[in-house]
C-alpha atoms as a PDB file:
ATOM      1  CA  UNK A   1      -0.042  -0.129  -0.006  1.00  0.00           C
ATOM      2  CA  UNK A   2       1.128   3.185  -1.050  1.00  0.00           C
ATOM      3  CA  UNK A   3       0.961   6.720   1.038  1.00  0.00           C
ATOM      4  CA  UNK A   4      -2.281   8.572  -1.170  1.00  0.00           C
ATOM      5  CA  UNK A   5      -3.110  10.976   1.887  1.00  0.00           C
ATOM      6  CA  UNK A   6      -1.008  13.922   2.940  1.00  0.00           C
ATOM      7  CA  UNK A   7      -0.920  15.206   6.983  1.00  0.00           C
ATOM      8  CA  UNK A   8      -3.762  16.715   7.158  1.00  0.00           C
ATOM      9  CA  UNK A   9      -5.620  13.576   6.127  1.00  0.00           C
ATOM     10  CA  UNK A  10      -3.739  11.611   8.354  1.00  0.00           C
ATOM     11  CA  UNK A  11      -4.689  13.861  11.190  1.00  0.00           C
ATOM     12  CA  UNK A  12      -8.470  13.934   9.867  1.00  0.00           C
ATOM     13  CA  UNK A  13      -8.543  10.368   9.983  1.00  0.00           C
ATOM     14  CA  UNK A  14      -6.863   9.503  12.707  1.00  0.00           C
ATOM     15  CA  UNK A  15      -9.289  11.849  15.091  1.00  0.00           C
ATOM     16  CA  UNK A  16     -12.517  10.999  13.416  1.00  0.00           C
ATOM     17  CA  UNK A  17     -11.233   7.096  14.348  1.00  0.00           C
ATOM     18  CA  UNK A  18     -10.631   7.949  17.899  1.00  0.00           C
ATOM     19  CA  UNK A  19     -14.474   9.485  17.964  1.00  0.00           C
ATOM     20  CA  UNK A  20     -15.914   6.568  16.084  1.00  0.00           C
ATOM     21  CA  UNK A  21     -14.152   3.947  18.250  1.00  0.00           C
ATOM     22  CA  UNK A  22     -15.275   6.258  21.597  1.00  0.00           C
ATOM     23  CA  UNK A  23     -18.842   6.209  19.971  1.00  0.00           C
ATOM     24  CA  UNK A  24     -19.016   2.484  19.494  1.00  0.00           C
ATOM     25  CA  UNK A  25     -17.474   2.508  23.273  1.00  0.00           C
ATOM     26  CA  UNK A  26     -20.255   3.687  24.887  1.00  0.00           C
ATOM     27  CA  UNK A  27     -23.300   2.128  22.778  1.00  0.00           C
ATOM     28  CA  UNK A  28     -21.267  -1.233  23.809  1.00  0.00           C
ATOM     29  CA  UNK A  29     -21.442   0.270  27.771  1.00  0.00           C
ATOM     30  CA  UNK A  30     -25.286   1.041  26.890  1.00  0.00           C
ATOM     31  CA  UNK A  31     -25.772  -2.137  26.188  1.00  0.00           C
ATOM     32  CA  UNK A  32     -24.181  -3.981  28.868  1.00  0.00           C
ATOM     33  CA  UNK A  33     -25.778  -2.043  30.999  1.00  0.00           C
ATOM     34  CA  UNK A  34     -29.409  -2.576  29.789  1.00  0.00           C
ATOM     35  CA  UNK A  35     -29.877   0.918  28.972  1.00  0.00           C
ATOM     36  CA  UNK A  36     -30.796  -0.038  25.204  1.00  0.00           C
ATOM     37  CA  UNK A  37     -31.611  -3.675  24.490  1.00  0.00           C
ATOM     38  CA  UNK A  38     -31.965  -5.656  21.676  1.00  0.00           C
ATOM     39  CA  UNK A  39     -29.771  -6.974  19.150  1.00  0.00           C
ATOM     40  CA  UNK A  40     -29.909  -3.385  16.815  1.00  0.00           C
ATOM     41  CA  UNK A  41     -27.421  -1.851  19.686  1.00  0.00           C
ATOM     42  CA  UNK A  42     -24.615  -4.657  19.539  1.00  0.00           C
ATOM     43  CA  UNK A  43     -24.643  -4.688  15.437  1.00  0.00           C
ATOM     44  CA  UNK A  44     -24.707  -0.659  16.008  1.00  0.00           C
ATOM     45  CA  UNK A  45     -21.848  -0.743  18.296  1.00  0.00           C
ATOM     46  CA  UNK A  46     -19.994  -3.284  16.413  1.00  0.00           C
ATOM     47  CA  UNK A  47     -19.889  -1.672  13.221  1.00  0.00           C
ATOM     48  CA  UNK A  48     -18.776   2.306  14.802  1.00  0.00           C
ATOM     49  CA  UNK A  49     -15.632  -0.304  17.192  1.00  0.00           C
ATOM     50  CA  UNK A  50     -15.056  -1.710  13.265  1.00  0.00           C
ATOM     51  CA  UNK A  51     -15.435   1.497  11.670  1.00  0.00           C
ATOM     52  CA  UNK A  52     -13.283   3.775  14.215  1.00  0.00           C
ATOM     53  CA  UNK A  53     -10.571   0.963  14.293  1.00  0.00           C
ATOM     54  CA  UNK A  54      -9.953   1.320  10.609  1.00  0.00           C
ATOM     55  CA  UNK A  55     -10.406   5.029  10.240  1.00  0.00           C
ATOM     56  CA  UNK A  56      -7.429   5.008  12.693  1.00  0.00           C
ATOM     57  CA  UNK A  57      -5.563   2.126  10.757  1.00  0.00           C
ATOM     58  CA  UNK A  58      -5.999   4.509   7.932  1.00  0.00           C
ATOM     59  CA  UNK A  59      -4.540   7.751   9.672  1.00  0.00           C
ATOM     60  CA  UNK A  60      -1.425   5.518  10.645  1.00  0.00           C
ATOM     61  CA  UNK A  61      -1.127   3.543   7.487  1.00  0.00           C
ATOM     62  CA  UNK A  62      -1.392   7.277   5.381  1.00  0.00           C
ATOM     63  CA  UNK A  63      -3.473   5.151   3.108  1.00  0.00           C
ATOM     64  CA  UNK A  64      -7.453   5.671   2.274  1.00  0.00           C
ATOM     65  CA  UNK A  65      -9.396   2.947   0.746  1.00  0.00           C
ATOM     66  CA  UNK A  66     -11.863   5.192  -0.860  1.00  0.00           C
ATOM     67  CA  UNK A  67      -8.490   7.055  -2.771  1.00  0.00           C
ATOM     68  CA  UNK A  68      -7.400   4.203  -3.779  1.00  0.00           C
ATOM     69  CA  UNK A  69     -10.991   3.208  -5.455  1.00  0.00           C
ATOM     70  CA  UNK A  70      -9.800   5.955  -7.366  1.00  0.00           C
ATOM     71  CA  UNK A  71     -12.749   8.815  -5.382  1.00  0.00           C
ATOM     72  CA  UNK A  72     -10.990  12.265  -4.868  1.00  0.00           C
ATOM     73  CA  UNK A  73     -11.614  13.232  -1.120  1.00  0.00           C
ATOM     74  CA  UNK A  74     -11.895  16.870  -0.581  1.00  0.00           C
ATOM     75  CA  UNK A  75      -9.530  16.431   2.801  1.00  0.00           C
END
């Protein structure tokens, strides 16, 4: 994988990744404590955790999957 984003893009992906990861953790805690019930909360929490982790990976690696597919992103 070749670096395809600059420092500004790396920072944006790292920050958004940590925010998304934190949201996933909060949702998982709310599901465990019983504030929210049902299967949907676990699906959303898992998706947020996976998405946040992948964004952090993109930021550290300097590689964006959307840009690798040929789309131009503004950051």
